[in-house]
Amino acid sequence: MKIFPIAGILLALAPVQNTDAATTQDWPLPSMASAAQPSLSQSPDGNLSLSWIEKTENGHRLQFSRYQKNRWSSPVTISQGSNWFVNWADFPSTTALADGTLWAHNLVKSDNGTYAYDVVLYRSIDGGKHWSAAVTVHDDGTKTEHGFVSLWPWSKSELGIAWLDGRQTAGSAGHEHGAGGKAMSLRAAVINRSGVKRQEWALDTRTCDCCQTDSALTEKGPIVIYRDRDPNEIRDIYTTRFTQNRWQTPTPVADDHWTMPACPVNGPAIAAKGAAVWAAWYTGAGGKASVRLAYSGNSGESFGRNITVKSGPEIQGRTELATDGKNAWLLWTEERNKQQLILQRFDARLDKKGPPLTLAVLSGRGRATGFARMHYLNGKLYTVWTDIIAGKPVLRGAQVAVSE
């Protein structure tokens, strides 16, 4: 029996006997060395997919593998290039549709400017063995920033995608765009099985510049979460939902009133099952670094109670969420002498179900470790993250058996 110390508790790989317990073990990944920017997704058949970026002699390549019957498939290269925009916070992702189509995205430079790059999509119809040529999502023609993408199944055969779009910032000096219509915006589109954009919307015309977006499917349709930016530089968390055949007016998850004159590069997370929705995010409101959590029981139409999970100078944020519909598991990053991934379970009342667990203590520090990713499947949490060993990025993974 292998024993793992987590948050001062010795956890054994044995059946869980109480509601506050968890067991964890290593989750070997298909690629661990010279790899970073991982992303996890779950297909309708219950299998998991992993994508990540590897550095090559002439640039980078986007890799893909599926986790089926407790085994990883041989890694496949989705695409590779020498002109990609590769960033610790703006990473590629994948998603699967009910018809078996797989989609992936990454970012490709459109000009010599630092923040001139496009969102491109790749499609596979044979389970990830072969991938299509790149398809650019947007057609605004500007050499500006496009990124921080969320993907989700729009229908059995169509893809939903949301991204931060810089077309309004054309002509701005620098990355942190000023007032006067120069802000980033949030847009969404539907892509059909052939890779053709069927419809596109502007969801919010003024958003934070470089915080991740996230999305989830509720019983009433998709919900997208992001960091807003008002004219007074308040950067609180908002959601918008697609119901009654239209995107609803964005609304705040909570009124933090965080005045921040620059982008914190720290986007929110959302997880849903049925009508149950949890949202998590980082804020510096009140001069305190905090991780916060909110719950909605009506598919995100409104969020009721919200709580501060933890505050302190060690809080880095980088939140991630997973849910089984009754509980949500919140993952966030802290950094003292060591960087740590912290995991905690909550119910719909936002009551803490047991103490926070230290999932991993990392060798890397700062931005280099990026954002950990997590999914819930059949009584387990599957988590992946980047660490830095001997100056090089490596992927690590863990399985956490949790009680329900």
Protein backbone atom coordinates (compact mmCIF):
# COMPACT_ATOMS: atom_id res chain seq x y z
CA MET A 1 0.00 0.00 0.00
CA LYS A 2 1.38 3.36 -1.01
CA ILE A 3 0.91 6.28 1.38
CA PHE A 4 0.73 9.96 0.40
CA PRO A 5 0.91 12.83 2.94
CA ILE A 6 -1.65 15.52 2.08
CA ALA A 7 -2.28 18.54 4.29
CA GLY A 8 -0.82 16.74 7.27
CA ILE A 9 -3.01 13.62 6.79
CA LEU A 10 -1.68 10.26 5.66
CA LEU A 11 -3.95 9.10 2.85
CA ALA A 12 -3.80 5.45 1.84
CA LEU A 13 -4.95 3.88 -1.41
CA ALA A 14 -7.84 2.11 0.26
CA PRO A 15 -11.63 2.52 0.08
CA VAL A 16 -12.87 5.83 1.46
CA GLN A 17 -14.87 5.36 4.66
CA ASN A 18 -16.09 8.88 5.51
CA THR A 19 -17.43 11.92 3.71
CA ASP A 20 -14.41 14.11 4.33
CA ALA A 21 -11.75 11.68 3.15
CA ALA A 22 -9.94 11.36 -0.15
CA THR A 23 -7.28 9.10 -1.54
CA THR A 24 -4.74 10.09 -4.15
CA GLN A 25 -2.16 8.45 -6.36
CA ASP A 26 0.10 9.38 -9.23
CA TRP A 27 -1.53 9.49 -12.66
CA PRO A 28 1.16 8.67 -15.22
CA LEU A 29 0.74 10.78 -18.35
CA PRO A 30 1.64 9.97 -21.97
CA SER A 31 4.24 12.74 -22.06
CA MET A 32 5.97 14.20 -19.03
CA ALA A 33 9.26 15.77 -20.17
CA SER A 34 9.65 19.03 -22.12
CA ALA A 35 5.88 19.56 -22.07
CA ALA A 36 3.67 22.34 -20.74
CA GLN A 37 0.28 24.09 -21.07
CA PRO A 38 -1.86 20.96 -20.50
CA SER A 39 -5.61 20.89 -20.96
CA LEU A 40 -8.14 18.17 -20.07
CA SER A 41 -11.55 17.54 -21.61
CA GLN A 42 -14.21 14.85 -21.28
CA SER A 43 -16.08 13.28 -24.17
CA PRO A 44 -19.75 12.21 -24.09
CA ASP A 45 -18.63 8.55 -23.88
CA GLY A 46 -16.87 9.30 -20.59
CA ASN A 47 -13.29 9.20 -21.83
CA LEU A 48 -10.75 11.94 -21.10
CA SER A 49 -8.55 13.75 -23.60
CA LEU A 50 -5.29 15.56 -22.88
CA SER A 51 -3.56 18.16 -25.02
CA TRP A 52 -0.23 19.86 -24.36
CA ILE A 53 2.52 21.82 -26.06
CA GLU A 54 6.05 20.57 -26.67
CA LYS A 55 8.93 22.73 -27.80
CA THR A 56 10.66 21.56 -31.00
CA GLU A 57 13.89 22.54 -32.69
CA ASN A 58 12.07 25.01 -34.95
CA GLY A 59 9.04 25.97 -32.88
CA HIS A 60 6.30 24.06 -31.09
CA ARG A 61 3.86 21.22 -31.60
CA LEU A 62 0.43 20.54 -30.12
CA GLN A 63 0.09 16.95 -28.86
CA PHE A 64 -3.00 14.88 -28.11
CA SER A 65 -3.84 11.63 -26.32
CA ARG A 66 -7.03 9.93 -25.11
CA TYR A 67 -7.47 8.10 -21.79
CA GLN A 68 -9.62 4.99 -22.32
CA LYS A 69 -9.92 1.89 -20.14
CA ASN A 70 -7.21 3.24 -17.83
CA ARG A 71 -4.70 3.57 -20.66
CA TRP A 72 -3.38 6.47 -22.73
CA SER A 73 -3.35 6.25 -26.49
CA SER A 74 -0.09 6.92 -28.29
CA PRO A 75 0.45 10.71 -28.55
CA VAL A 76 -0.55 12.27 -31.89
CA THR A 77 0.61 15.63 -33.23
CA ILE A 78 -2.38 17.85 -33.96
CA SER A 79 -0.25 20.56 -35.54
CA GLN A 80 3.18 22.15 -35.37
CA GLY A 81 4.65 25.48 -36.38
CA SER A 82 7.34 28.09 -35.93
CA ASN A 83 5.00 31.09 -35.67
CA TRP A 84 2.83 30.22 -32.69
CA PHE A 85 1.96 32.42 -29.74
CA VAL A 86 2.82 30.27 -26.72
CA ASN A 87 1.99 31.67 -23.31
CA TRP A 88 1.78 30.28 -19.77
CA ALA A 89 -1.76 31.59 -19.28
CA ASP A 90 -3.32 31.34 -22.76
CA PHE A 91 -3.16 27.63 -23.52
CA PRO A 92 -4.71 25.31 -26.14
CA SER A 93 -7.73 23.11 -25.42
CA THR A 94 -9.83 20.30 -26.88
CA THR A 95 -13.44 19.18 -26.73
CA ALA A 96 -15.50 16.29 -28.11
CA LEU A 97 -18.98 16.29 -29.68
CA ALA A 98 -21.63 13.60 -29.43
CA ASP A 99 -21.15 12.63 -33.09
CA GLY A 100 -17.52 11.71 -32.33
CA THR A 101 -15.92 14.84 -33.77
CA LEU A 102 -12.95 16.17 -31.82
CA TRP A 103 -11.92 19.82 -31.87
CA ALA A 104 -8.72 21.52 -30.73
CA HIS A 105 -7.49 25.10 -30.77
CA ASN A 106 -4.24 27.00 -30.45
CA LEU A 107 -2.87 30.48 -31.22
CA VAL A 108 -0.90 31.45 -34.33
CA LYS A 109 0.87 34.76 -34.92
CA SER A 110 -0.73 37.04 -37.50
CA ASP A 111 1.97 39.74 -37.53
CA ASN A 112 5.27 40.72 -35.94
CA GLY A 113 3.61 42.51 -33.03
CA THR A 114 3.89 40.74 -29.68
CA TYR A 115 0.14 40.52 -29.24
CA ALA A 116 -0.94 39.95 -32.83
CA TYR A 117 -2.25 36.41 -33.08
CA ASP A 118 -5.31 34.43 -34.16
CA VAL A 119 -7.39 31.61 -32.74
CA VAL A 120 -7.27 28.59 -35.06
CA LEU A 121 -9.21 25.32 -34.88
CA TYR A 122 -8.38 21.76 -35.90
CA ARG A 123 -10.90 18.95 -36.42
CA SER A 124 -10.64 15.16 -36.17
CA ILE A 125 -13.37 12.74 -37.24
CA ASP A 126 -11.47 9.51 -36.53
CA GLY A 127 -10.93 9.66 -32.79
CA GLY A 128 -7.90 11.94 -32.88
CA LYS A 129 -5.70 9.89 -35.22
CA HIS A 130 -5.72 12.54 -37.93
CA TRP A 131 -6.42 16.26 -37.76
CA SER A 132 -7.52 18.84 -40.31
CA ALA A 133 -5.61 21.91 -41.44
CA ALA A 134 -6.04 25.03 -39.32
CA VAL A 135 -9.24 27.08 -39.62
CA THR A 136 -9.15 30.67 -38.31
CA VAL A 137 -12.18 31.42 -36.14
CA HIS A 138 -12.51 35.17 -36.67
CA ASP A 139 -12.44 37.20 -39.87
CA ASP A 140 -12.13 40.79 -38.63
CA GLY A 141 -8.85 41.31 -40.49
CA THR A 142 -7.06 43.09 -37.63
CA LYS A 143 -3.56 42.20 -36.49
CA THR A 144 -4.58 42.18 -32.85
CA GLU A 145 -4.94 39.81 -29.93
CA HIS A 146 -7.42 36.91 -30.06
CA GLY A 147 -7.26 34.24 -27.38
CA PHE A 148 -8.35 32.90 -23.98
CA VAL A 149 -10.69 30.42 -25.62
CA SER A 150 -13.48 28.23 -24.26
CA LEU A 151 -14.86 25.30 -26.27
CA TRP A 152 -18.07 23.33 -25.67
CA PRO A 153 -20.54 21.15 -27.61
CA TRP A 154 -23.18 23.43 -29.12
CA SER A 155 -25.13 20.48 -30.46
CA LYS A 156 -24.48 16.87 -31.43
CA SER A 157 -22.44 18.00 -34.44
CA GLU A 158 -21.63 21.69 -33.86
CA LEU A 159 -18.99 23.42 -31.76
CA GLY A 160 -19.51 26.39 -29.47
CA ILE A 161 -16.54 28.69 -28.95
CA ALA A 162 -15.98 31.89 -26.97
CA TRP A 163 -12.84 34.02 -26.99
CA LEU A 164 -11.42 37.42 -26.06
CA ASP A 165 -11.17 39.55 -29.19
CA GLY A 166 -8.94 42.57 -29.81
CA ARG A 167 -10.45 43.97 -33.00
CA GLN A 168 -11.53 47.14 -31.13
CA THR A 169 -7.96 47.70 -29.96
CA ALA A 170 -6.44 48.11 -33.42
CA GLY A 171 -4.10 51.08 -33.29
CA SER A 172 -3.60 50.91 -29.51
CA ALA A 173 -0.13 51.27 -28.09
CA GLY A 174 0.83 48.42 -25.82
CA HIS A 175 -1.05 45.47 -24.41
CA GLU A 176 -3.02 47.13 -21.62
CA HIS A 177 -5.52 48.99 -23.74
CA GLY A 178 -6.92 52.31 -22.58
CA ALA A 179 -10.32 53.95 -22.59
CA GLY A 180 -12.16 55.31 -25.59
CA GLY A 181 -13.31 52.07 -27.17
CA LYS A 182 -9.93 50.35 -27.06
CA ALA A 183 -10.89 47.49 -24.73
CA MET A 184 -10.91 43.78 -25.48
CA SER A 185 -14.31 42.20 -26.11
CA LEU A 186 -15.88 38.79 -25.58
CA ARG A 187 -17.26 37.05 -28.65
CA ALA A 188 -18.78 33.65 -29.38
CA ALA A 189 -19.53 31.60 -32.46
CA VAL A 190 -20.98 28.31 -33.66
CA ILE A 191 -18.84 26.16 -35.98
CA ASN A 192 -20.44 23.37 -38.00
CA ARG A 193 -18.97 19.94 -38.64
CA SER A 194 -17.24 21.15 -41.81
CA GLY A 195 -15.43 23.92 -39.94
CA VAL A 196 -17.65 26.70 -41.28
CA LYS A 197 -18.77 29.44 -38.88
CA ARG A 198 -22.56 29.43 -38.83
CA GLN A 199 -23.16 32.33 -36.45
CA GLU A 200 -21.22 34.85 -34.36
CA TRP A 201 -22.10 37.21 -31.51
CA ALA A 202 -20.50 40.01 -29.49
CA LEU A 203 -21.26 39.02 -25.89
CA ASP A 204 -19.56 41.90 -24.06
CA THR A 205 -17.76 44.82 -25.71
CA ARG A 206 -15.52 45.69 -22.73
CA THR A 207 -13.69 42.95 -20.85
CA CYS A 208 -10.45 42.37 -18.99
CA ASP A 209 -7.56 41.97 -21.40
CA CYS A 210 -6.00 38.62 -20.60
CA CYS A 211 -7.96 36.60 -18.06
CA GLN A 212 -9.11 33.15 -19.11
CA THR A 213 -12.71 32.52 -20.04
CA ASP A 214 -14.52 29.29 -19.10
CA SER A 215 -17.77 27.61 -20.07
CA ALA A 216 -20.13 24.89 -18.90
CA LEU A 217 -23.32 23.21 -20.07
CA THR A 218 -26.38 23.50 -17.82
CA GLU A 219 -29.79 21.92 -18.31
CA LYS A 220 -30.92 25.23 -19.85
CA GLY A 221 -27.94 25.70 -22.17
CA PRO A 222 -24.37 26.97 -22.17
CA ILE A 223 -22.97 29.53 -19.73
CA VAL A 224 -19.75 31.49 -20.25
CA ILE A 225 -17.82 33.09 -17.40
CA TYR A 226 -15.16 35.81 -17.70
CA ARG A 227 -13.66 38.88 -16.03
CA ASP A 228 -15.45 42.10 -16.95
CA ARG A 229 -13.91 45.58 -17.06
CA ASP A 230 -16.06 48.66 -16.51
CA PRO A 231 -15.05 52.27 -17.32
CA ASN A 232 -13.89 52.75 -13.72
CA GLU A 233 -11.52 49.75 -13.99
CA ILE A 234 -13.63 47.50 -11.77
CA ARG A 235 -12.77 43.97 -12.87
CA ASP A 236 -15.36 41.64 -11.38
CA ILE A 237 -16.57 38.24 -12.64
CA TYR A 238 -19.56 38.07 -15.00
CA THR A 239 -21.52 35.35 -16.77
CA THR A 240 -23.74 35.24 -19.82
CA ARG A 241 -26.12 32.41 -20.78
CA PHE A 242 -27.63 31.26 -24.05
CA THR A 243 -31.33 30.71 -23.38
CA GLN A 244 -34.53 31.43 -25.31
CA ASN A 245 -32.49 31.49 -28.53
CA ARG A 246 -30.27 34.38 -27.51
CA TRP A 247 -27.38 35.35 -25.27
CA GLN A 248 -28.66 37.06 -22.16
CA THR A 249 -27.32 40.36 -20.83
CA PRO A 250 -24.15 39.66 -18.81
CA THR A 251 -24.58 39.78 -15.04
CA PRO A 252 -22.08 39.79 -12.16
CA VAL A 253 -21.52 36.62 -10.15
CA ALA A 254 -20.70 38.73 -7.08
CA ASP A 255 -20.09 42.40 -6.36
CA ASP A 256 -16.45 42.37 -5.34
CA HIS A 257 -15.86 45.89 -6.70
CA TRP A 258 -12.21 45.15 -7.33
CA THR A 259 -10.65 48.26 -8.82
CA MET A 260 -7.64 47.08 -10.80
CA PRO A 261 -5.90 49.29 -13.40
CA ALA A 262 -4.20 46.31 -15.08
CA CYS A 263 -5.07 42.76 -16.02
CA PRO A 264 -4.36 40.22 -13.24
CA VAL A 265 -4.05 37.34 -15.75
CA ASN A 266 -6.22 35.21 -13.47
CA GLY A 267 -9.48 34.08 -15.02
CA PRO A 268 -12.49 32.38 -13.37
CA ALA A 269 -13.66 28.77 -13.50
CA ILE A 270 -17.13 27.28 -13.82
CA ALA A 271 -18.59 23.78 -13.48
CA ALA A 272 -22.15 22.59 -13.95
CA LYS A 273 -24.37 19.53 -13.96
CA GLY A 274 -28.08 19.89 -14.56
CA ALA A 275 -29.23 23.08 -12.84
CA ALA A 276 -26.35 23.11 -10.35
CA VAL A 277 -23.58 25.59 -11.18
CA TRP A 278 -20.49 26.58 -9.21
CA ALA A 279 -18.24 29.54 -10.08
CA ALA A 280 -14.79 30.24 -8.63
CA TRP A 281 -12.36 33.11 -9.09
CA TYR A 282 -9.45 35.16 -7.79
CA THR A 283 -9.86 38.73 -6.59
CA GLY A 284 -7.76 41.39 -4.90
CA ALA A 285 -10.75 43.35 -3.63
CA GLY A 286 -10.16 45.13 -0.33
CA GLY A 287 -6.43 44.84 -0.79
CA LYS A 288 -6.48 41.09 -0.06
CA ALA A 289 -5.65 38.29 -2.45
CA SER A 290 -8.58 35.87 -2.19
CA VAL A 291 -10.17 32.82 -3.75
CA ARG A 292 -13.97 33.07 -3.90
CA LEU A 293 -16.80 30.65 -4.70
CA ALA A 294 -20.49 31.04 -5.63
CA TYR A 295 -23.37 28.65 -6.30
CA SER A 296 -26.43 28.77 -8.53
CA GLY A 297 -29.28 26.26 -8.40
CA ASN A 298 -31.06 27.63 -11.47
CA SER A 299 -28.57 27.01 -14.29
CA GLY A 300 -26.73 30.27 -13.66
CA GLU A 301 -29.73 32.57 -13.95
CA SER A 302 -28.71 33.94 -10.58
CA PHE A 303 -25.99 33.18 -8.06
CA GLY A 304 -27.07 33.18 -4.44
CA ARG A 305 -24.62 32.82 -1.63
CA ASN A 306 -20.95 33.47 -2.33
CA ILE A 307 -18.05 33.01 0.03
CA THR A 308 -14.38 33.83 0.41
CA VAL A 309 -12.69 30.45 0.59
CA LYS A 310 -9.33 31.81 1.66
CA SER A 311 -7.40 35.10 1.73
CA GLY A 312 -3.73 35.91 2.22
CA PRO A 313 -0.53 36.95 0.49
CA GLU A 314 0.16 33.32 -0.45
CA ILE A 315 -2.96 33.11 -2.66
CA GLN A 316 -2.10 32.94 -6.37
CA GLY A 317 -5.59 32.02 -7.57
CA ARG A 318 -5.56 30.10 -10.91
CA THR A 319 -8.82 28.42 -9.95
CA GLU A 320 -10.24 25.23 -11.43
CA LEU A 321 -13.55 23.46 -10.70
CA ALA A 322 -15.13 20.03 -11.15
CA THR A 323 -18.52 18.73 -10.04
CA ASP A 324 -20.67 15.62 -9.75
CA GLY A 325 -23.82 17.74 -9.44
CA LYS A 326 -24.07 17.45 -5.65
CA ASN A 327 -20.60 18.66 -4.72
CA ALA A 328 -17.91 20.79 -6.30
CA TRP A 329 -14.16 20.44 -5.93
CA LEU A 330 -12.18 23.66 -6.04
CA LEU A 331 -8.50 23.69 -6.96
CA TRP A 332 -6.28 26.74 -6.54
CA THR A 333 -2.59 27.68 -6.31
CA GLU A 334 -0.69 29.08 -3.32
CA GLU A 335 2.94 30.09 -3.07
CA ARG A 336 5.04 30.54 0.04
CA ASN A 337 8.48 28.97 0.08
CA LYS A 338 7.03 26.38 -2.27
CA GLN A 339 4.21 26.53 -4.77
CA GLN A 340 1.29 24.25 -3.87
CA LEU A 341 -1.95 23.03 -5.43
CA ILE A 342 -4.76 23.10 -2.86
CA LEU A 343 -8.01 21.11 -3.23
CA GLN A 344 -11.25 21.43 -1.24
CA ARG A 345 -14.80 20.11 -1.54
CA PHE A 346 -18.02 22.13 -1.16
CA ASP A 347 -21.73 21.37 -1.34
CA ALA A 348 -24.55 23.50 -2.73
CA ARG A 349 -24.71 25.50 0.50
CA LEU A 350 -21.00 26.25 0.03
CA ASP A 351 -20.25 24.42 3.25
CA LYS A 352 -16.71 23.08 3.33
CA LYS A 353 -16.71 19.30 3.34
CA GLY A 354 -13.45 18.59 5.07
CA PRO A 355 -10.14 20.43 5.34
CA PRO A 356 -8.21 21.73 2.34
CA LEU A 357 -5.87 19.11 0.90
CA THR A 358 -2.44 19.84 -0.51
CA LEU A 359 -2.63 17.94 -3.77
CA ALA A 360 0.94 18.68 -4.84
CA VAL A 361 4.02 20.62 -3.80
CA LEU A 362 5.81 21.90 -6.90
CA SER A 363 9.46 22.47 -7.66
CA GLY A 364 8.63 25.32 -10.04
CA ARG A 365 7.52 28.77 -8.98
CA GLY A 366 5.81 31.83 -10.42
CA ARG A 367 4.17 31.82 -13.83
CA ALA A 368 6.17 28.92 -15.23
CA THR A 369 3.85 26.33 -13.68
CA GLY A 370 0.80 27.75 -15.46
CA PHE A 371 -2.73 26.60 -14.68
CA ALA A 372 -3.64 23.13 -13.38
CA ARG A 373 -6.59 21.40 -15.06
CA MET A 374 -9.11 18.99 -13.50
CA HIS A 375 -12.11 16.78 -14.36
CA TYR A 376 -14.46 14.61 -12.31
CA LEU A 377 -15.25 11.14 -13.64
CA ASN A 378 -16.78 8.11 -11.91
CA GLY A 379 -15.82 8.98 -8.37
CA LYS A 380 -12.37 10.33 -9.19
CA LEU A 381 -10.80 13.70 -9.84
CA TYR A 382 -8.23 13.65 -12.62
CA THR A 383 -5.75 16.52 -12.42
CA VAL A 384 -2.80 17.62 -14.59
CA TRP A 385 -0.32 20.45 -14.15
CA THR A 386 3.06 21.76 -15.26
CA ASP A 387 6.10 21.65 -13.02
CA ILE A 388 9.65 22.83 -13.64
CA ILE A 389 12.41 20.28 -13.04
CA ALA A 390 16.05 21.21 -13.68
CA GLY A 391 14.87 24.26 -15.61
CA LYS A 392 12.60 22.32 -17.96
CA PRO A 393 8.80 21.98 -17.99
CA VAL A 394 7.32 18.57 -17.24
CA LEU A 395 3.73 17.36 -16.92
CA ARG A 396 2.47 15.76 -13.76
CA GLY A 397 -0.86 14.12 -12.97
CA ALA A 398 -2.84 12.79 -10.01
CA GLN A 399 -5.98 10.73 -9.48
CA VAL A 400 -7.98 11.57 -6.38
CA ALA A 401 -10.66 9.10 -5.29
CA VAL A 402 -13.36 11.12 -3.55
CA SER A 403 -16.50 10.26 -1.60
CA GLU A 404 -19.79 11.60 -2.91
